[in-house]
N, C-alpha and C. Protein backbone atom coordinates (compact mmCIF):
# COMPACT_ATOMS: atom_id res chain seq x y z
N MET A 1 0.84 -1.19 0.00
CA MET A 1 0.00 0.00 0.00
C MET A 1 0.88 1.25 0.00
N ASN A 2 0.47 2.21 -0.79
CA ASN A 2 1.21 3.46 -0.81
C ASN A 2 0.64 4.44 0.21
N ALA A 3 1.33 5.54 0.39
CA ALA A 3 0.93 6.52 1.40
C ALA A 3 -0.49 7.02 1.19
N SER A 4 -0.88 7.25 -0.05
CA SER A 4 -2.22 7.75 -0.34
C SER A 4 -3.29 6.74 0.05
N SER A 5 -3.05 5.48 -0.22
CA SER A 5 -4.02 4.43 0.14
C SER A 5 -4.13 4.28 1.65
N ILE A 6 -3.00 4.32 2.34
CA ILE A 6 -3.01 4.22 3.80
C ILE A 6 -3.73 5.42 4.40
N PHE A 7 -3.47 6.60 3.86
CA PHE A 7 -4.14 7.83 4.31
C PHE A 7 -5.66 7.69 4.15
N SER A 8 -6.10 7.24 2.98
CA SER A 8 -7.55 7.08 2.72
C SER A 8 -8.17 6.04 3.64
N PHE A 9 -7.48 4.90 3.81
CA PHE A 9 -7.98 3.86 4.71
C PHE A 9 -8.14 4.40 6.13
N ALA A 10 -7.09 5.04 6.63
CA ALA A 10 -7.11 5.54 8.00
C ALA A 10 -8.23 6.57 8.19
N ASN A 11 -8.39 7.46 7.23
CA ASN A 11 -9.45 8.47 7.31
C ASN A 11 -10.84 7.84 7.37
N SER A 12 -11.04 6.79 6.61
CA SER A 12 -12.34 6.11 6.60
C SER A 12 -12.53 5.27 7.86
N PHE A 13 -11.50 4.52 8.23
CA PHE A 13 -11.58 3.60 9.37
C PHE A 13 -11.85 4.35 10.67
N VAL A 14 -11.23 5.50 10.87
CA VAL A 14 -11.39 6.24 12.11
C VAL A 14 -12.84 6.67 12.33
N LEU A 15 -13.58 6.83 11.26
CA LEU A 15 -14.99 7.25 11.39
C LEU A 15 -15.80 6.26 12.22
N LEU A 16 -15.46 4.97 12.14
CA LEU A 16 -16.15 3.96 12.95
C LEU A 16 -16.05 4.31 14.43
N GLY A 17 -14.87 4.69 14.88
CA GLY A 17 -14.69 5.05 16.28
C GLY A 17 -15.52 6.26 16.69
N TRP A 18 -15.53 7.26 15.83
CA TRP A 18 -16.29 8.46 16.15
C TRP A 18 -17.79 8.19 16.11
N ILE A 19 -18.23 7.32 15.22
CA ILE A 19 -19.65 6.93 15.19
C ILE A 19 -20.02 6.22 16.49
N LEU A 20 -19.15 5.32 16.95
CA LEU A 20 -19.41 4.64 18.22
C LEU A 20 -19.49 5.63 19.38
N LEU A 21 -18.55 6.58 19.43
CA LEU A 21 -18.54 7.54 20.53
C LEU A 21 -19.77 8.44 20.52
N ILE A 22 -20.23 8.80 19.34
CA ILE A 22 -21.37 9.72 19.25
C ILE A 22 -22.70 8.99 19.40
N PHE A 23 -22.85 7.85 18.74
CA PHE A 23 -24.15 7.18 18.70
C PHE A 23 -24.30 6.02 19.67
N LEU A 24 -23.20 5.41 20.10
CA LEU A 24 -23.28 4.28 21.04
C LEU A 24 -22.29 4.44 22.19
N PRO A 25 -22.29 5.60 22.84
CA PRO A 25 -21.28 5.84 23.87
C PRO A 25 -21.43 4.94 25.10
N LYS A 26 -22.63 4.45 25.37
CA LYS A 26 -22.85 3.63 26.56
C LYS A 26 -22.83 2.13 26.28
N TRP A 27 -22.63 1.77 25.02
CA TRP A 27 -22.55 0.35 24.68
C TRP A 27 -21.33 -0.23 25.38
N LYS A 28 -21.47 -1.40 25.95
CA LYS A 28 -20.39 -1.97 26.77
C LYS A 28 -19.11 -2.25 25.99
N HIS A 29 -19.17 -2.32 24.68
CA HIS A 29 -17.99 -2.62 23.88
C HIS A 29 -17.34 -1.39 23.24
N THR A 30 -17.98 -0.23 23.33
CA THR A 30 -17.46 0.96 22.64
C THR A 30 -16.04 1.30 23.07
N GLN A 31 -15.80 1.45 24.36
CA GLN A 31 -14.47 1.83 24.84
C GLN A 31 -13.42 0.78 24.47
N SER A 32 -13.78 -0.47 24.60
CA SER A 32 -12.84 -1.55 24.28
C SER A 32 -12.50 -1.59 22.79
N ILE A 33 -13.50 -1.45 21.94
CA ILE A 33 -13.26 -1.44 20.50
C ILE A 33 -12.34 -0.29 20.13
N ILE A 34 -12.58 0.85 20.73
CA ILE A 34 -11.77 2.03 20.39
C ILE A 34 -10.36 1.94 20.98
N LEU A 35 -10.26 1.70 22.29
CA LEU A 35 -8.95 1.75 22.95
C LEU A 35 -8.11 0.50 22.70
N ASN A 36 -8.73 -0.67 22.78
CA ASN A 36 -7.98 -1.92 22.63
C ASN A 36 -7.98 -2.43 21.20
N GLY A 37 -8.75 -1.78 20.36
CA GLY A 37 -8.81 -2.17 18.96
C GLY A 37 -8.29 -1.08 18.05
N MET A 38 -9.07 -0.05 17.87
CA MET A 38 -8.76 0.96 16.87
C MET A 38 -7.50 1.77 17.21
N VAL A 39 -7.41 2.30 18.41
CA VAL A 39 -6.23 3.10 18.77
C VAL A 39 -4.99 2.21 18.75
N LEU A 40 -5.14 0.98 19.21
CA LEU A 40 -4.01 0.04 19.17
C LEU A 40 -3.60 -0.25 17.72
N LEU A 41 -4.58 -0.45 16.85
CA LEU A 41 -4.28 -0.68 15.43
C LEU A 41 -3.58 0.53 14.81
N PHE A 42 -4.09 1.72 15.10
CA PHE A 42 -3.44 2.93 14.60
C PHE A 42 -2.02 3.05 15.16
N SER A 43 -1.82 2.67 16.40
CA SER A 43 -0.49 2.72 17.01
C SER A 43 0.47 1.76 16.31
N MET A 44 -0.02 0.56 16.01
CA MET A 44 0.82 -0.41 15.30
C MET A 44 1.12 0.06 13.88
N LEU A 45 0.11 0.62 13.21
CA LEU A 45 0.31 1.15 11.86
C LEU A 45 1.33 2.29 11.90
N TYR A 46 1.19 3.16 12.87
CA TYR A 46 2.13 4.27 13.05
C TYR A 46 3.55 3.75 13.23
N ALA A 47 3.72 2.80 14.14
CA ALA A 47 5.05 2.25 14.40
C ALA A 47 5.62 1.60 13.14
N TYR A 48 4.80 0.85 12.44
CA TYR A 48 5.26 0.20 11.21
C TYR A 48 5.71 1.24 10.17
N LEU A 49 4.85 2.24 9.93
CA LEU A 49 5.18 3.26 8.94
C LEU A 49 6.42 4.05 9.33
N LEU A 50 6.53 4.34 10.60
CA LEU A 50 7.68 5.10 11.09
C LEU A 50 8.97 4.31 10.91
N LEU A 51 8.94 3.05 11.29
CA LEU A 51 10.15 2.22 11.19
C LEU A 51 10.48 1.86 9.74
N LYS A 52 9.43 1.69 8.92
CA LYS A 52 9.62 1.31 7.51
C LYS A 52 10.29 2.43 6.71
N ASP A 53 9.92 3.64 7.02
CA ASP A 53 10.39 4.75 6.20
C ASP A 53 10.80 5.93 7.07
N ILE A 54 11.74 5.68 7.94
CA ILE A 54 12.17 6.74 8.85
C ILE A 54 12.87 7.86 8.09
N GLY A 55 13.36 7.55 6.90
CA GLY A 55 13.92 8.57 6.01
C GLY A 55 15.02 9.39 6.63
N ASN A 56 14.89 10.70 6.49
CA ASN A 56 15.91 11.63 6.98
C ASN A 56 15.68 12.07 8.42
N PHE A 57 14.91 11.30 9.15
CA PHE A 57 14.61 11.66 10.53
C PHE A 57 15.89 11.62 11.37
N SER A 58 16.04 12.62 12.20
CA SER A 58 17.14 12.64 13.17
C SER A 58 16.61 13.29 14.44
N MET A 59 17.39 13.27 15.46
CA MET A 59 16.97 13.89 16.72
C MET A 59 16.73 15.39 16.55
N ASP A 60 17.26 15.94 15.50
CA ASP A 60 17.13 17.37 15.22
C ASP A 60 15.90 17.69 14.37
N SER A 61 15.16 16.67 13.93
CA SER A 61 14.05 16.86 12.98
C SER A 61 12.94 17.76 13.49
N PHE A 62 12.77 17.84 14.80
CA PHE A 62 11.69 18.65 15.36
C PHE A 62 12.19 19.89 16.08
N SER A 63 13.46 20.23 15.87
CA SER A 63 14.06 21.33 16.64
C SER A 63 13.72 22.72 16.09
N THR A 64 13.36 22.79 14.82
CA THR A 64 12.99 24.09 14.24
C THR A 64 11.81 23.90 13.30
N LEU A 65 11.12 24.97 13.04
CA LEU A 65 10.01 24.91 12.09
C LEU A 65 10.50 24.48 10.71
N ALA A 66 11.63 24.97 10.29
CA ALA A 66 12.18 24.61 8.98
C ALA A 66 12.47 23.10 8.90
N ASN A 67 12.98 22.52 9.99
CA ASN A 67 13.26 21.08 10.00
C ASN A 67 11.98 20.27 9.92
N VAL A 68 10.94 20.72 10.62
CA VAL A 68 9.66 20.00 10.58
C VAL A 68 9.06 20.10 9.18
N LYS A 69 9.12 21.27 8.58
CA LYS A 69 8.62 21.44 7.20
C LYS A 69 9.38 20.53 6.24
N ALA A 70 10.67 20.43 6.40
CA ALA A 70 11.47 19.56 5.53
C ALA A 70 11.09 18.10 5.73
N LEU A 71 10.85 17.72 6.96
CA LEU A 71 10.47 16.34 7.27
C LEU A 71 9.15 15.98 6.59
N PHE A 72 8.22 16.91 6.57
CA PHE A 72 6.89 16.64 6.02
C PHE A 72 6.76 16.98 4.54
N GLN A 73 7.85 17.03 3.83
CA GLN A 73 7.81 17.17 2.37
C GLN A 73 7.53 15.83 1.70
N ASN A 74 7.63 14.78 2.44
CA ASN A 74 7.49 13.41 1.94
C ASN A 74 6.07 12.90 2.26
N ASP A 75 5.39 12.30 1.27
CA ASP A 75 4.04 11.78 1.49
C ASP A 75 3.99 10.75 2.61
N ASN A 76 5.01 9.92 2.71
CA ASN A 76 5.03 8.91 3.76
C ASN A 76 5.10 9.56 5.14
N ALA A 77 5.89 10.60 5.27
CA ALA A 77 6.00 11.30 6.55
C ALA A 77 4.69 11.98 6.92
N VAL A 78 4.03 12.57 5.94
CA VAL A 78 2.73 13.21 6.20
C VAL A 78 1.72 12.16 6.65
N THR A 79 1.72 11.00 6.01
CA THR A 79 0.80 9.92 6.38
C THR A 79 1.09 9.45 7.80
N VAL A 80 2.36 9.29 8.15
CA VAL A 80 2.72 8.91 9.51
C VAL A 80 2.17 9.94 10.50
N GLY A 81 2.38 11.21 10.20
CA GLY A 81 1.88 12.28 11.07
C GLY A 81 0.37 12.27 11.17
N TRP A 82 -0.31 12.00 10.07
CA TRP A 82 -1.77 11.98 10.07
C TRP A 82 -2.30 10.83 10.91
N VAL A 83 -1.69 9.66 10.79
CA VAL A 83 -2.10 8.51 11.60
C VAL A 83 -1.90 8.83 13.08
N HIS A 84 -0.84 9.54 13.39
CA HIS A 84 -0.57 10.00 14.76
C HIS A 84 -1.72 10.87 15.26
N TYR A 85 -2.12 11.85 14.47
CA TYR A 85 -3.25 12.72 14.84
C TYR A 85 -4.53 11.92 15.03
N LEU A 86 -4.83 11.04 14.09
CA LEU A 86 -6.06 10.27 14.17
C LEU A 86 -6.11 9.42 15.44
N ALA A 87 -4.99 8.77 15.76
CA ALA A 87 -4.93 7.91 16.95
C ALA A 87 -5.14 8.72 18.22
N PHE A 88 -4.43 9.83 18.34
CA PHE A 88 -4.53 10.60 19.58
C PHE A 88 -5.86 11.33 19.71
N ASP A 89 -6.38 11.84 18.62
CA ASP A 89 -7.69 12.50 18.71
C ASP A 89 -8.77 11.50 19.10
N LEU A 90 -8.72 10.29 18.55
CA LEU A 90 -9.69 9.26 18.92
C LEU A 90 -9.53 8.85 20.38
N PHE A 91 -8.29 8.75 20.83
CA PHE A 91 -8.02 8.45 22.23
C PHE A 91 -8.63 9.52 23.14
N VAL A 92 -8.42 10.77 22.78
CA VAL A 92 -8.98 11.88 23.57
C VAL A 92 -10.51 11.84 23.54
N GLY A 93 -11.08 11.51 22.38
CA GLY A 93 -12.54 11.39 22.29
C GLY A 93 -13.06 10.31 23.22
N ALA A 94 -12.38 9.17 23.27
CA ALA A 94 -12.79 8.08 24.18
C ALA A 94 -12.67 8.53 25.63
N TYR A 95 -11.61 9.28 25.93
CA TYR A 95 -11.43 9.80 27.29
C TYR A 95 -12.56 10.75 27.66
N ILE A 96 -12.92 11.63 26.74
CA ILE A 96 -14.00 12.59 27.00
C ILE A 96 -15.29 11.84 27.34
N VAL A 97 -15.62 10.83 26.57
CA VAL A 97 -16.85 10.08 26.82
C VAL A 97 -16.77 9.36 28.17
N LYS A 98 -15.67 8.68 28.41
CA LYS A 98 -15.55 7.91 29.66
C LYS A 98 -15.59 8.82 30.89
N LYS A 99 -14.83 9.90 30.85
CA LYS A 99 -14.78 10.83 31.99
C LYS A 99 -16.14 11.51 32.19
N SER A 100 -16.79 11.86 31.10
CA SER A 100 -18.11 12.50 31.19
C SER A 100 -19.13 11.55 31.82
N GLN A 101 -19.07 10.29 31.45
CA GLN A 101 -19.98 9.32 32.04
C GLN A 101 -19.71 9.15 33.53
N GLN A 102 -18.43 9.14 33.91
CA GLN A 102 -18.08 9.05 35.32
C GLN A 102 -18.61 10.25 36.11
N LEU A 103 -18.58 11.42 35.48
CA LEU A 103 -19.04 12.64 36.14
C LEU A 103 -20.54 12.87 35.96
N GLN A 104 -21.19 11.96 35.28
CA GLN A 104 -22.63 12.04 35.00
C GLN A 104 -23.01 13.31 34.25
N ILE A 105 -22.17 13.67 33.30
CA ILE A 105 -22.47 14.80 32.42
C ILE A 105 -23.45 14.29 31.37
N SER A 106 -24.43 15.08 31.04
CA SER A 106 -25.44 14.70 30.06
C SER A 106 -24.80 14.27 28.74
N ARG A 107 -25.35 13.21 28.17
CA ARG A 107 -24.83 12.70 26.90
C ARG A 107 -24.82 13.79 25.84
N TRP A 108 -25.87 14.58 25.78
CA TRP A 108 -25.97 15.62 24.76
C TRP A 108 -24.90 16.69 24.97
N LEU A 109 -24.55 16.92 26.22
CA LEU A 109 -23.54 17.92 26.52
C LEU A 109 -22.14 17.41 26.19
N TYR A 110 -21.84 16.15 26.55
CA TYR A 110 -20.49 15.65 26.26
C TYR A 110 -20.30 15.25 24.81
N THR A 111 -21.39 15.13 24.07
CA THR A 111 -21.26 14.85 22.64
C THR A 111 -20.83 16.10 21.87
N LEU A 112 -21.17 17.26 22.39
CA LEU A 112 -20.82 18.53 21.74
C LEU A 112 -19.34 18.68 21.41
N PRO A 113 -18.41 18.37 22.32
CA PRO A 113 -17.00 18.55 21.97
C PRO A 113 -16.42 17.47 21.04
N LEU A 114 -17.14 16.37 20.84
CA LEU A 114 -16.57 15.27 20.04
C LEU A 114 -16.26 15.65 18.59
N PRO A 115 -17.17 16.29 17.85
CA PRO A 115 -16.79 16.69 16.48
C PRO A 115 -15.61 17.66 16.45
N PHE A 116 -15.53 18.52 17.46
CA PHE A 116 -14.40 19.45 17.53
C PHE A 116 -13.10 18.70 17.82
N THR A 117 -13.19 17.66 18.65
CA THR A 117 -12.01 16.85 18.94
C THR A 117 -11.57 16.11 17.69
N PHE A 118 -12.52 15.59 16.93
CA PHE A 118 -12.21 14.89 15.69
C PHE A 118 -11.56 15.82 14.67
N MET A 119 -12.09 17.01 14.53
CA MET A 119 -11.60 17.93 13.50
C MET A 119 -10.46 18.83 13.97
N PHE A 120 -10.49 19.23 15.24
CA PHE A 120 -9.54 20.23 15.71
C PHE A 120 -8.85 19.84 17.02
N GLY A 121 -8.83 18.56 17.35
CA GLY A 121 -8.14 18.01 18.51
C GLY A 121 -8.22 18.82 19.79
N PRO A 122 -7.25 19.64 20.06
CA PRO A 122 -7.20 20.37 21.33
C PRO A 122 -8.39 21.30 21.57
N VAL A 123 -9.02 21.80 20.52
CA VAL A 123 -10.20 22.65 20.71
C VAL A 123 -11.33 21.84 21.33
N GLY A 124 -11.49 20.61 20.87
CA GLY A 124 -12.51 19.73 21.44
C GLY A 124 -12.23 19.43 22.90
N TYR A 125 -10.97 19.18 23.20
CA TYR A 125 -10.62 18.92 24.60
C TYR A 125 -10.86 20.17 25.45
N LEU A 126 -10.56 21.34 24.91
CA LEU A 126 -10.80 22.58 25.63
C LEU A 126 -12.29 22.75 25.93
N LEU A 127 -13.14 22.47 24.96
CA LEU A 127 -14.59 22.53 25.19
C LEU A 127 -15.01 21.56 26.28
N PHE A 128 -14.48 20.33 26.21
CA PHE A 128 -14.79 19.34 27.25
C PHE A 128 -14.34 19.85 28.61
N PHE A 129 -13.15 20.41 28.68
CA PHE A 129 -12.62 20.90 29.95
C PHE A 129 -13.53 21.98 30.53
N MET A 130 -14.02 22.85 29.68
CA MET A 130 -14.93 23.91 30.16
C MET A 130 -16.24 23.29 30.67
N ILE A 131 -16.78 22.32 29.93
CA ILE A 131 -18.01 21.64 30.36
C ILE A 131 -17.78 20.93 31.69
N LYS A 132 -16.67 20.23 31.78
CA LYS A 132 -16.34 19.48 33.00
C LYS A 132 -16.16 20.43 34.18
N THR A 133 -15.52 21.56 33.95
CA THR A 133 -15.29 22.53 35.02
C THR A 133 -16.62 23.08 35.54
N VAL A 134 -17.51 23.45 34.63
CA VAL A 134 -18.83 23.95 35.04
C VAL A 134 -19.58 22.86 35.79
N LYS A 135 -19.55 21.64 35.29
CA LYS A 135 -20.26 20.53 35.93
C LYS A 135 -19.72 20.26 37.32
N THR A 136 -18.41 20.18 37.47
CA THR A 136 -17.85 19.87 38.78
C THR A 136 -18.03 21.03 39.75
N GLN A 137 -18.01 22.27 39.28
CA GLN A 137 -18.28 23.42 40.16
C GLN A 137 -19.72 23.39 40.62
N SER A 138 -20.65 23.06 39.73
CA SER A 138 -22.05 23.02 40.13
C SER A 138 -22.31 21.88 41.10
N LEU A 139 -21.56 20.79 40.98
CA LEU A 139 -21.69 19.69 41.94
C LEU A 139 -21.23 20.12 43.33
N HIS A 140 -20.14 20.86 43.39
CA HIS A 140 -19.61 21.34 44.67
C HIS A 140 -20.54 22.36 45.31
N GLU A 141 -21.21 23.15 44.48
CA GLU A 141 -22.12 24.17 45.00
C GLU A 141 -23.39 23.55 45.58
N THR A 142 -23.81 22.41 45.03
CA THR A 142 -25.03 21.77 45.52
C THR A 142 -24.78 20.90 46.74
N ASN A 143 -23.53 20.60 47.02
CA ASN A 143 -23.21 19.76 48.21
C ASN A 143 -22.93 20.59 49.41
């Protein structure tokens, strides 16, 4: 498989995880499928791609913006980076759902940051953090 095919596969496959988080967050297998299945699979794919085509990577590759830009001139490197984003964003999405359920945050409220986490990673987590902060403050005020 070439970088373009892997990129397309990963983009399509990750949607399954987000569908589970949004539409079946309380299903007993959702967290396991995502964390022990999908994120693990993405992690293995990432490791394989990284080791297969480490290219011009060196300890200095991330030390400057110019070095990072040079590293990502290669389609394989961009695909490796994209798989990295997909894995971590999905992991954060699973965390948001699990933590929200533990805190008894309304499903409709904790679903709000999930599309933002999928598309913009840290922005989704920031929204979740704000929701969680308001929820936990209101819990302390009622006790």
